[in-house]
């Protein structure tokens, strides 16, 4: 048994729960940074001679959003969940661990994402060693995006030991705070009022337009015989 007073024994207690909403925070972060990062990678490849150097950046951005946007955002969501669980890992958890794991995982995934974003631009290399530029640039872009997702989704869980004991002592009070009857009544009344206004506006017959005034008869000037 190790000596409890030894400095080599870690006295830090790992967090019991990962940070909340890791998947959705990764999804939102990816929606902001993924497509511009992929377009920047394709643009850098074109400057290096792998791709179409005459293609404008906005065209790369639009085509990247169409062809690789959904896959990139879903990948960022999964990386966010991975970073949240890595931050509470028993072996070196914390935000730094989350950043490392997210950057490493996203670097591998972005190699395929950069290739998907570069295909619609055209001018792909043939049987050449220039294909090695894709994993290099994709890894750099993915590592940067993964580090950003790790910063957002990692960290210690916002649940203290006192909160756990308080919940264990008085679970009924905690549930009443989450489900207050007065708040539920107010929410139900607001939903009912908005729903009734919506359906009344949909099915209420439109008001009839007032009849147009008849034109007065022109007086006979005696021109007709």
C-alpha atoms as a PDB file:
ATOM      1  CA  UNK A   1       0.000   0.000   0.000  1.00  0.00           C
ATOM      2  CA  UNK A   2       1.379   3.453  -0.859  1.00  0.00           C
ATOM      3  CA  UNK A   3       2.000   5.938   1.882  1.00  0.00           C
ATOM      4  CA  UNK A   4      -0.989   8.351   2.076  1.00  0.00           C
ATOM      5  CA  UNK A   5       1.356  11.178   3.020  1.00  0.00           C
ATOM      6  CA  UNK A   6       3.550  10.645  -0.026  1.00  0.00           C
ATOM      7  CA  UNK A   7       3.554  13.420  -2.606  1.00  0.00           C
ATOM      8  CA  UNK A   8       3.274  10.888  -5.417  1.00  0.00           C
ATOM      9  CA  UNK A   9      -0.256   9.974  -4.407  1.00  0.00           C
ATOM     10  CA  UNK A  10      -2.860  12.141  -6.126  1.00  0.00           C
ATOM     11  CA  UNK A  11      -5.396  13.611  -3.742  1.00  0.00           C
ATOM     12  CA  UNK A  12      -7.524  15.089  -6.512  1.00  0.00           C
ATOM     13  CA  UNK A  13     -10.968  13.510  -6.782  1.00  0.00           C
ATOM     14  CA  UNK A  14     -12.107  13.272 -10.406  1.00  0.00           C
ATOM     15  CA  UNK A  15     -15.421  14.820 -11.321  1.00  0.00           C
ATOM     16  CA  UNK A  16     -18.358  12.443 -11.096  1.00  0.00           C
ATOM     17  CA  UNK A  17     -20.215  13.717 -14.129  1.00  0.00           C
ATOM     18  CA  UNK A  18     -19.050  15.110 -17.478  1.00  0.00           C
ATOM     19  CA  UNK A  19     -19.951  18.692 -18.404  1.00  0.00           C
ATOM     20  CA  UNK A  20     -23.531  18.972 -19.557  1.00  0.00           C
ATOM     21  CA  UNK A  21     -24.667  19.455 -23.160  1.00  0.00           C
ATOM     22  CA  UNK A  22     -21.361  18.347 -24.654  1.00  0.00           C
ATOM     23  CA  UNK A  23     -23.022  17.083 -27.839  1.00  0.00           C
ATOM     24  CA  UNK A  24     -25.041  20.250 -28.446  1.00  0.00           C
ATOM     25  CA  UNK A  25     -22.202  22.604 -27.549  1.00  0.00           C
ATOM     26  CA  UNK A  26     -20.005  20.755 -30.007  1.00  0.00           C
ATOM     27  CA  UNK A  27     -22.776  20.993 -32.594  1.00  0.00           C
ATOM     28  CA  UNK A  28     -23.097  24.761 -32.201  1.00  0.00           C
ATOM     29  CA  UNK A  29     -19.333  25.269 -32.163  1.00  0.00           C
ATOM     30  CA  UNK A  30     -18.972  23.180 -35.303  1.00  0.00           C
ATOM     31  CA  UNK A  31     -21.714  25.134 -37.049  1.00  0.00           C
ATOM     32  CA  UNK A  32     -19.649  28.278 -36.492  1.00  0.00           C
ATOM     33  CA  UNK A  33     -16.091  27.157 -37.255  1.00  0.00           C
ATOM     34  CA  UNK A  34     -16.162  23.936 -39.284  1.00  0.00           C
ATOM     35  CA  UNK A  35     -17.096  25.146 -42.774  1.00  0.00           C
ATOM     36  CA  UNK A  36     -14.779  28.216 -42.753  1.00  0.00           C
ATOM     37  CA  UNK A  37     -11.951  26.027 -41.472  1.00  0.00           C
ATOM     38  CA  UNK A  38     -12.480  23.447 -44.215  1.00  0.00           C
ATOM     39  CA  UNK A  39     -12.664  26.179 -46.860  1.00  0.00           C
ATOM     40  CA  UNK A  40      -9.434  27.646 -45.519  1.00  0.00           C
ATOM     41  CA  UNK A  41      -7.782  24.230 -45.788  1.00  0.00           C
ATOM     42  CA  UNK A  42      -8.927  23.802 -49.392  1.00  0.00           C
ATOM     43  CA  UNK A  43      -7.744  27.336 -50.191  1.00  0.00           C
ATOM     44  CA  UNK A  44      -4.326  26.560 -48.668  1.00  0.00           C
ATOM     45  CA  UNK A  45      -4.081  23.383 -50.719  1.00  0.00           C
ATOM     46  CA  UNK A  46      -4.861  25.355 -53.864  1.00  0.00           C
ATOM     47  CA  UNK A  47      -2.086  27.817 -53.013  1.00  0.00           C
ATOM     48  CA  UNK A  48       0.271  24.844 -52.637  1.00  0.00           C
ATOM     49  CA  UNK A  49      -0.623  23.600 -56.098  1.00  0.00           C
ATOM     50  CA  UNK A  50      -3.103  20.889 -55.056  1.00  0.00           C
ATOM     51  CA  UNK A  51      -6.418  22.080 -56.454  1.00  0.00           C
ATOM     52  CA  UNK A  52      -7.733  24.954 -58.525  1.00  0.00           C
ATOM     53  CA  UNK A  53      -5.747  28.102 -57.720  1.00  0.00           C
ATOM     54  CA  UNK A  54      -8.204  30.280 -59.659  1.00  0.00           C
ATOM     55  CA  UNK A  55     -11.254  29.297 -57.566  1.00  0.00           C
ATOM     56  CA  UNK A  56     -12.353  32.132 -55.248  1.00  0.00           C
ATOM     57  CA  UNK A  57     -12.608  31.554 -51.535  1.00  0.00           C
ATOM     58  CA  UNK A  58     -16.370  32.191 -51.413  1.00  0.00           C
ATOM     59  CA  UNK A  59     -16.952  29.434 -53.967  1.00  0.00           C
ATOM     60  CA  UNK A  60     -14.922  27.065 -51.811  1.00  0.00           C
ATOM     61  CA  UNK A  61     -16.964  28.148 -48.799  1.00  0.00           C
ATOM     62  CA  UNK A  62     -20.305  27.547 -50.519  1.00  0.00           C
ATOM     63  CA  UNK A  63     -19.360  24.182 -51.992  1.00  0.00           C
ATOM     64  CA  UNK A  64     -17.815  23.092 -48.711  1.00  0.00           C
ATOM     65  CA  UNK A  65     -21.022  23.946 -46.875  1.00  0.00           C
ATOM     66  CA  UNK A  66     -23.106  21.952 -49.371  1.00  0.00           C
ATOM     67  CA  UNK A  67     -20.943  18.842 -49.657  1.00  0.00           C
ATOM     68  CA  UNK A  68     -19.226  18.608 -46.265  1.00  0.00           C
ATOM     69  CA  UNK A  69     -21.227  20.881 -43.975  1.00  0.00           C
ATOM     70  CA  UNK A  70     -23.581  18.303 -42.446  1.00  0.00           C
ATOM     71  CA  UNK A  71     -20.828  15.734 -41.926  1.00  0.00           C
ATOM     72  CA  UNK A  72     -18.534  18.353 -40.381  1.00  0.00           C
ATOM     73  CA  UNK A  73     -21.169  19.633 -37.952  1.00  0.00           C
ATOM     74  CA  UNK A  74     -22.127  16.123 -36.834  1.00  0.00           C
ATOM     75  CA  UNK A  75     -18.454  15.278 -36.422  1.00  0.00           C
ATOM     76  CA  UNK A  76     -18.010  18.349 -34.229  1.00  0.00           C
ATOM     77  CA  UNK A  77     -20.984  17.268 -32.120  1.00  0.00           C
ATOM     78  CA  UNK A  78     -19.452  13.853 -31.538  1.00  0.00           C
ATOM     79  CA  UNK A  79     -16.091  15.412 -30.736  1.00  0.00           C
ATOM     80  CA  UNK A  80     -17.819  17.669 -28.208  1.00  0.00           C
ATOM     81  CA  UNK A  81     -19.296  14.682 -26.430  1.00  0.00           C
ATOM     82  CA  UNK A  82     -15.913  12.946 -26.506  1.00  0.00           C
ATOM     83  CA  UNK A  83     -14.228  16.024 -25.026  1.00  0.00           C
ATOM     84  CA  UNK A  84     -16.829  16.229 -22.259  1.00  0.00           C
ATOM     85  CA  UNK A  85     -16.181  12.651 -21.203  1.00  0.00           C
ATOM     86  CA  UNK A  86     -12.419  13.029 -21.570  1.00  0.00           C
ATOM     87  CA  UNK A  87     -12.476  15.945 -19.128  1.00  0.00           C
ATOM     88  CA  UNK A  88     -13.622  13.603 -16.340  1.00  0.00           C
ATOM     89  CA  UNK A  89     -11.291  10.761 -17.246  1.00  0.00           C
ATOM     90  CA  UNK A  90      -9.766   9.137 -14.207  1.00  0.00           C
ATOM     91  CA  UNK A  91      -6.367   9.187 -15.902  1.00  0.00           C
ATOM     92  CA  UNK A  92      -5.442  12.833 -16.222  1.00  0.00           C
ATOM     93  CA  UNK A  93      -8.845  14.442 -16.665  1.00  0.00           C
ATOM     94  CA  UNK A  94      -9.478  18.158 -16.954  1.00  0.00           C
ATOM     95  CA  UNK A  95      -9.737  20.719 -19.689  1.00  0.00           C
ATOM     96  CA  UNK A  96      -6.229  20.034 -20.982  1.00  0.00           C
ATOM     97  CA  UNK A  97      -7.052  16.358 -21.395  1.00  0.00           C
ATOM     98  CA  UNK A  98     -10.277  17.295 -23.225  1.00  0.00           C
ATOM     99  CA  UNK A  99      -8.387  19.565 -25.627  1.00  0.00           C
ATOM    100  CA  UNK A 100      -5.799  16.881 -26.367  1.00  0.00           C
ATOM    101  CA  UNK A 101      -8.329  14.135 -27.017  1.00  0.00           C
ATOM    102  CA  UNK A 102     -10.580  16.376 -29.121  1.00  0.00           C
ATOM    103  CA  UNK A 103      -7.700  17.706 -31.221  1.00  0.00           C
ATOM    104  CA  UNK A 104      -6.347  14.211 -31.878  1.00  0.00           C
ATOM    105  CA  UNK A 105      -9.734  12.761 -32.840  1.00  0.00           C
ATOM    106  CA  UNK A 106     -10.733  15.705 -35.011  1.00  0.00           C
ATOM    107  CA  UNK A 107      -7.383  15.702 -36.816  1.00  0.00           C
ATOM    108  CA  UNK A 108      -8.064  12.174 -38.036  1.00  0.00           C
ATOM    109  CA  UNK A 109     -11.643  12.977 -39.050  1.00  0.00           C
ATOM    110  CA  UNK A 110     -10.782  16.194 -40.898  1.00  0.00           C
ATOM    111  CA  UNK A 111      -8.556  14.381 -43.384  1.00  0.00           C
ATOM    112  CA  UNK A 112     -11.673  12.913 -45.002  1.00  0.00           C
ATOM    113  CA  UNK A 113     -13.640  16.148 -44.559  1.00  0.00           C
ATOM    114  CA  UNK A 114     -11.030  18.200 -46.421  1.00  0.00           C
ATOM    115  CA  UNK A 115     -11.021  15.710 -49.294  1.00  0.00           C
ATOM    116  CA  UNK A 116     -14.846  15.827 -49.467  1.00  0.00           C
ATOM    117  CA  UNK A 117     -14.754  19.634 -49.526  1.00  0.00           C
ATOM    118  CA  UNK A 118     -12.037  19.658 -52.230  1.00  0.00           C
ATOM    119  CA  UNK A 119     -13.726  17.230 -54.638  1.00  0.00           C
ATOM    120  CA  UNK A 120     -16.326  19.695 -56.055  1.00  0.00           C
ATOM    121  CA  UNK A 121     -13.595  22.287 -56.663  1.00  0.00           C
ATOM    122  CA  UNK A 122     -11.890  19.915 -59.098  1.00  0.00           C
ATOM    123  CA  UNK A 123      -8.255  19.732 -60.241  1.00  0.00           C
ATOM    124  CA  UNK A 124      -7.578  16.748 -57.980  1.00  0.00           C
ATOM    125  CA  UNK A 125      -4.046  15.312 -58.260  1.00  0.00           C
ATOM    126  CA  UNK A 126      -3.597  12.103 -60.220  1.00  0.00           C
ATOM    127  CA  UNK A 127      -1.159   9.368 -59.309  1.00  0.00           C
ATOM    128  CA  UNK A 128       1.142  11.688 -57.444  1.00  0.00           C
ATOM    129  CA  UNK A 129       2.665  12.199 -54.042  1.00  0.00           C
ATOM    130  CA  UNK A 130       0.748  15.455 -53.807  1.00  0.00           C
ATOM    131  CA  UNK A 131      -2.054  13.427 -52.228  1.00  0.00           C
ATOM    132  CA  UNK A 132       0.038  13.517 -49.046  1.00  0.00           C
ATOM    133  CA  UNK A 133      -0.839  17.202 -48.722  1.00  0.00           C
ATOM    134  CA  UNK A 134      -4.443  16.317 -47.854  1.00  0.00           C
ATOM    135  CA  UNK A 135      -3.706  14.440 -44.603  1.00  0.00           C
ATOM    136  CA  UNK A 136      -1.202  17.100 -43.568  1.00  0.00           C
ATOM    137  CA  UNK A 137      -3.530  20.073 -44.113  1.00  0.00           C
ATOM    138  CA  UNK A 138      -6.571  18.141 -42.912  1.00  0.00           C
ATOM    139  CA  UNK A 139      -4.769  17.165 -39.736  1.00  0.00           C
ATOM    140  CA  UNK A 140      -3.755  20.757 -39.023  1.00  0.00           C
ATOM    141  CA  UNK A 141      -7.273  22.096 -39.645  1.00  0.00           C
ATOM    142  CA  UNK A 142      -8.853  19.318 -37.614  1.00  0.00           C
ATOM    143  CA  UNK A 143      -6.469  19.759 -34.697  1.00  0.00           C
ATOM    144  CA  UNK A 144      -7.279  23.468 -34.520  1.00  0.00           C
ATOM    145  CA  UNK A 145     -11.031  22.845 -34.642  1.00  0.00           C
ATOM    146  CA  UNK A 146     -10.768  20.023 -32.118  1.00  0.00           C
ATOM    147  CA  UNK A 147      -8.829  22.207 -29.711  1.00  0.00           C
ATOM    148  CA  UNK A 148     -11.516  24.874 -29.936  1.00  0.00           C
ATOM    149  CA  UNK A 149     -14.245  22.295 -29.293  1.00  0.00           C
ATOM    150  CA  UNK A 150     -12.266  20.910 -26.355  1.00  0.00           C
ATOM    151  CA  UNK A 151     -12.051  24.368 -24.801  1.00  0.00           C
ATOM    152  CA  UNK A 152     -15.811  24.862 -25.123  1.00  0.00           C
ATOM    153  CA  UNK A 153     -16.982  21.374 -24.143  1.00  0.00           C
ATOM    154  CA  UNK A 154     -14.299  20.321 -21.641  1.00  0.00           C
ATOM    155  CA  UNK A 155     -13.776  21.341 -18.059  1.00  0.00           C
ATOM    156  CA  UNK A 156     -14.951  20.285 -14.671  1.00  0.00           C
ATOM    157  CA  UNK A 157     -18.581  19.384 -14.116  1.00  0.00           C
ATOM    158  CA  UNK A 158     -20.582  22.158 -12.398  1.00  0.00           C
ATOM    159  CA  UNK A 159     -21.799  19.741  -9.659  1.00  0.00           C
ATOM    160  CA  UNK A 160     -20.254  19.962  -6.210  1.00  0.00           C
ATOM    161  CA  UNK A 161     -20.292  17.345  -3.467  1.00  0.00           C
ATOM    162  CA  UNK A 162     -22.551  19.583  -1.381  1.00  0.00           C
ATOM    163  CA  UNK A 163     -25.105  19.619  -4.198  1.00  0.00           C
ATOM    164  CA  UNK A 164     -25.073  15.832  -4.268  1.00  0.00           C
ATOM    165  CA  UNK A 165     -25.650  15.567  -0.496  1.00  0.00           C
ATOM    166  CA  UNK A 166     -28.385  18.204  -0.621  1.00  0.00           C
ATOM    167  CA  UNK A 167     -30.155  16.297  -3.372  1.00  0.00           C
ATOM    168  CA  UNK A 168     -29.830  13.050  -1.421  1.00  0.00           C
ATOM    169  CA  UNK A 169     -31.265  14.608   1.747  1.00  0.00           C
ATOM    170  CA  UNK A 170     -34.195  16.448   0.179  1.00  0.00           C
ATOM    171  CA  UNK A 171     -35.011  15.041  -3.262  1.00  0.00           C
ATOM    172  CA  UNK A 172     -38.588  16.279  -3.029  1.00  0.00           C
ATOM    173  CA  UNK A 173     -37.540  19.912  -2.597  1.00  0.00           C
ATOM    174  CA  UNK A 174     -35.167  19.669  -5.554  1.00  0.00           C
ATOM    175  CA  UNK A 175     -37.887  18.235  -7.760  1.00  0.00           C
ATOM    176  CA  UNK A 176     -40.320  20.929  -6.651  1.00  0.00           C
ATOM    177  CA  UNK A 177     -37.795  23.569  -7.707  1.00  0.00           C
ATOM    178  CA  UNK A 178     -37.574  21.982 -11.136  1.00  0.00           C
ATOM    179  CA  UNK A 179     -41.322  21.431 -11.482  1.00  0.00           C
ATOM    180  CA  UNK A 180     -42.993  24.320  -9.682  1.00  0.00           C
ATOM    181  CA  UNK A 181     -46.813  23.992 -10.014  1.00  0.00           C
ATOM    182  CA  UNK A 182     -47.273  27.755 -10.396  1.00  0.00           C
ATOM    183  CA  UNK A 183     -44.759  27.880 -13.218  1.00  0.00           C
ATOM    184  CA  UNK A 184     -46.450  24.949 -14.917  1.00  0.00           C
ATOM    185  CA  UNK A 185     -49.841  26.673 -14.664  1.00  0.00           C
ATOM    186  CA  UNK A 186     -48.437  29.891 -16.125  1.00  0.00           C
ATOM    187  CA  UNK A 187     -46.719  27.985 -18.910  1.00  0.00           C
ATOM    188  CA  UNK A 188     -49.905  26.083 -19.723  1.00  0.00           C
ATOM    189  CA  UNK A 189     -51.981  29.283 -19.810  1.00  0.00           C
ATOM    190  CA  UNK A 190     -49.485  30.978 -22.126  1.00  0.00           C
ATOM    191  CA  UNK A 191     -49.372  27.979 -24.456  1.00  0.00           C
ATOM    192  CA  UNK A 192     -53.168  27.745 -24.506  1.00  0.00           C
ATOM    193  CA  UNK A 193     -53.564  31.454 -25.298  1.00  0.00           C
ATOM    194  CA  UNK A 194     -51.025  31.372 -28.115  1.00  0.00           C
ATOM    195  CA  UNK A 195     -52.499  28.186 -29.544  1.00  0.00           C
ATOM    196  CA  UNK A 196     -56.033  29.621 -29.515  1.00  0.00           C
ATOM    197  CA  UNK A 197     -54.861  32.840 -31.175  1.00  0.00           C
ATOM    198  CA  UNK A 198     -53.062  30.818 -33.832  1.00  0.00           C
ATOM    199  CA  UNK A 199     -56.070  28.673 -34.694  1.00  0.00           C
ATOM    200  CA  UNK A 200     -58.484  31.609 -34.566  1.00  0.00           C
ATOM    201  CA  UNK A 201     -56.296  33.434 -37.047  1.00  0.00           C
ATOM    202  CA  UNK A 202     -56.138  30.370 -39.283  1.00  0.00           C
ATOM    203  CA  UNK A 203     -59.842  29.499 -39.362  1.00  0.00           C
ATOM    204  CA  UNK A 204     -61.547  32.871 -38.823  1.00  0.00           C
ATOM    205  CA  UNK A 205     -63.295  33.904 -42.038  1.00  0.00           C
ATOM    206  CA  UNK A 206     -61.920  36.934 -43.718  1.00  0.00           C
ATOM    207  CA  UNK A 207     -63.898  40.139 -43.548  1.00  0.00           C
ATOM    208  CA  UNK A 208     -65.937  40.914 -46.608  1.00  0.00           C
ATOM    209  CA  UNK A 209     -64.933  43.910 -48.599  1.00  0.00           C
ATOM    210  CA  UNK A 210     -67.495  46.730 -48.666  1.00  0.00           C
ATOM    211  CA  UNK A 211     -69.399  47.003 -51.945  1.00  0.00           C
ATOM    212  CA  UNK A 212     -68.009  49.507 -54.359  1.00  0.00           C
ATOM    213  CA  UNK A 213     -70.230  52.562 -54.948  1.00  0.00           C
ATOM    214  CA  UNK A 214     -72.105  52.469 -58.220  1.00  0.00           C
ATOM    215  CA  UNK A 215     -71.089  54.975 -60.825  1.00  0.00           C
ATOM    216  CA  UNK A 216     -73.731  57.736 -61.377  1.00  0.00           C
ATOM    217  CA  UNK A 217     -75.559  57.703 -64.671  1.00  0.00           C
ATOM    218  CA  UNK A 218     -74.325  60.275 -67.132  1.00  0.00           C
ATOM    219  CA  UNK A 219     -76.978  62.866 -68.104  1.00  0.00           C
ATOM    220  CA  UNK A 220     -78.341  62.621 -71.591  1.00  0.00           C
ATOM    221  CA  UNK A 221     -77.102  65.634 -73.592  1.00  0.00           C
ATOM    222  CA  UNK A 222     -79.531  65.008 -76.452  1.00  0.00           C
ATOM    223  CA  UNK A 223     -76.878  63.850 -78.844  1.00  0.00           C
ATOM    224  CA  UNK A 224     -78.771  60.669 -79.496  1.00  0.00           C
ATOM    225  CA  UNK A 225     -81.671  60.991 -81.874  1.00  0.00           C
END
